[in-house]
Amino acid sequence: MKFFHTSLAAIALVEIVGPRLFGSDHAHFWFEDLPAWGSLYGLAACVAIIVVSKLLGKLGLVRPENYYDR
């Protein structure tokens, strides 16, 4: 487990430091230059997908407990 956490930390460090060392494409917006923007955006998108899907499931898919007992 320690190797897994160490590798995740190394990947995050490379994502933050890498573009500064090797240069990157020109950002279209100011926030694209923030360190680890891609990871943060991906995390927020995954959380949004999970929250919206759970909300849709509760509002439209879940039936009452006695639905089939009628």
C-alpha atoms as a PDB file:
ATOM      1  CA  MET A   1       0.000   0.000   0.000  1.00  0.00           C
ATOM      2  CA  LYS A   2       2.916   2.308   0.723  1.00  0.00           C
ATOM      3  CA  PHE A   3       4.202   1.857  -2.837  1.00  0.00           C
ATOM      4  CA  PHE A   4       0.769   2.808  -4.210  1.00  0.00           C
ATOM      5  CA  HIS A   5       0.644   6.052  -2.214  1.00  0.00           C
ATOM      6  CA  THR A   6       4.218   6.873  -3.113  1.00  0.00           C
ATOM      7  CA  SER A   7       3.522   6.368  -6.819  1.00  0.00           C
ATOM      8  CA  LEU A   8       0.409   8.572  -6.630  1.00  0.00           C
ATOM      9  CA  ALA A   9       2.446  11.298  -4.934  1.00  0.00           C
ATOM     10  CA  ALA A  10       5.148  10.977  -7.609  1.00  0.00           C
ATOM     11  CA  ILE A  11       2.580  11.275 -10.404  1.00  0.00           C
ATOM     12  CA  ALA A  12       1.076  14.373  -8.775  1.00  0.00           C
ATOM     13  CA  LEU A  13       4.528  15.910  -8.379  1.00  0.00           C
ATOM     14  CA  VAL A  14       5.397  15.234 -12.026  1.00  0.00           C
ATOM     15  CA  GLU A  15       2.126  16.818 -13.117  1.00  0.00           C
ATOM     16  CA  ILE A  16       2.838  19.934 -11.080  1.00  0.00           C
ATOM     17  CA  VAL A  17       6.552  20.315 -11.860  1.00  0.00           C
ATOM     18  CA  GLY A  18       6.707  18.788 -15.360  1.00  0.00           C
ATOM     19  CA  PRO A  19       5.060  21.574 -17.361  1.00  0.00           C
ATOM     20  CA  ARG A  20       7.226  24.168 -15.595  1.00  0.00           C
ATOM     21  CA  LEU A  21      10.428  22.294 -16.498  1.00  0.00           C
ATOM     22  CA  PHE A  22       9.654  21.152 -20.027  1.00  0.00           C
ATOM     23  CA  GLY A  23       7.258  23.846 -21.142  1.00  0.00           C
ATOM     24  CA  SER A  24       3.705  23.272 -22.244  1.00  0.00           C
ATOM     25  CA  ASP A  25       1.167  24.504 -24.736  1.00  0.00           C
ATOM     26  CA  HIS A  26      -0.162  27.993 -24.371  1.00  0.00           C
ATOM     27  CA  ALA A  27      -3.119  28.038 -22.009  1.00  0.00           C
ATOM     28  CA  HIS A  28      -6.335  29.510 -23.332  1.00  0.00           C
ATOM     29  CA  PHE A  29      -7.583  30.571 -19.895  1.00  0.00           C
ATOM     30  CA  TRP A  30      -5.734  31.717 -16.762  1.00  0.00           C
ATOM     31  CA  PHE A  31      -6.864  28.783 -14.616  1.00  0.00           C
ATOM     32  CA  GLU A  32      -5.314  26.270 -17.017  1.00  0.00           C
ATOM     33  CA  ASP A  33      -1.911  27.392 -15.714  1.00  0.00           C
ATOM     34  CA  LEU A  34      -2.733  26.384 -12.146  1.00  0.00           C
ATOM     35  CA  PRO A  35      -0.674  23.446 -10.874  1.00  0.00           C
ATOM     36  CA  ALA A  36      -2.451  20.084 -11.300  1.00  0.00           C
ATOM     37  CA  TRP A  37      -5.414  21.717 -13.045  1.00  0.00           C
ATOM     38  CA  GLY A  38      -6.163  18.548 -15.017  1.00  0.00           C
ATOM     39  CA  SER A  39      -6.308  16.389 -11.892  1.00  0.00           C
ATOM     40  CA  LEU A  40      -8.479  18.844 -10.010  1.00  0.00           C
ATOM     41  CA  TYR A  41     -10.834  19.242 -12.959  1.00  0.00           C
ATOM     42  CA  GLY A  42     -11.071  15.469 -13.363  1.00  0.00           C
ATOM     43  CA  LEU A  43     -11.790  14.995  -9.661  1.00  0.00           C
ATOM     44  CA  ALA A  44     -14.520  17.645  -9.719  1.00  0.00           C
ATOM     45  CA  ALA A  45     -16.058  16.102 -12.849  1.00  0.00           C
ATOM     46  CA  CYS A  46     -16.107  12.611 -11.288  1.00  0.00           C
ATOM     47  CA  VAL A  47     -17.683  13.915  -8.091  1.00  0.00           C
ATOM     48  CA  ALA A  48     -20.308  15.796 -10.133  1.00  0.00           C
ATOM     49  CA  ILE A  49     -21.129  12.676 -12.164  1.00  0.00           C
ATOM     50  CA  ILE A  50     -21.547  10.616  -8.985  1.00  0.00           C
ATOM     51  CA  VAL A  51     -23.721  13.208  -7.242  1.00  0.00           C
ATOM     52  CA  VAL A  52     -25.956  13.776 -10.272  1.00  0.00           C
ATOM     53  CA  SER A  53     -26.359  10.051 -10.945  1.00  0.00           C
ATOM     54  CA  LYS A  54     -27.292   9.372  -7.311  1.00  0.00           C
ATOM     55  CA  LEU A  55     -29.794  12.228  -7.406  1.00  0.00           C
ATOM     56  CA  LEU A  56     -31.338  10.958 -10.638  1.00  0.00           C
ATOM     57  CA  GLY A  57     -31.479   7.467  -9.215  1.00  0.00           C
ATOM     58  CA  LYS A  58     -33.281   8.587  -6.081  1.00  0.00           C
ATOM     59  CA  LEU A  59     -35.730  10.804  -7.959  1.00  0.00           C
ATOM     60  CA  GLY A  60     -36.607   8.539 -10.844  1.00  0.00           C
ATOM     61  CA  LEU A  61     -35.398   4.980 -10.446  1.00  0.00           C
ATOM     62  CA  VAL A  62     -35.969   3.940  -6.860  1.00  0.00           C
ATOM     63  CA  ARG A  63     -39.415   2.498  -6.152  1.00  0.00           C
ATOM     64  CA  PRO A  64     -41.048   2.304  -2.722  1.00  0.00           C
ATOM     65  CA  GLU A  65     -40.379  -0.848  -0.700  1.00  0.00           C
ATOM     66  CA  ASN A  66     -43.899  -2.186  -1.185  1.00  0.00           C
ATOM     67  CA  TYR A  67     -44.037  -1.459  -4.930  1.00  0.00           C
ATOM     68  CA  TYR A  68     -44.262  -5.106  -5.986  1.00  0.00           C
ATOM     69  CA  ASP A  69     -46.566  -6.138  -3.110  1.00  0.00           C
ATOM     70  CA  ARG A  70     -49.611  -4.361  -4.533  1.00  0.00           C
END
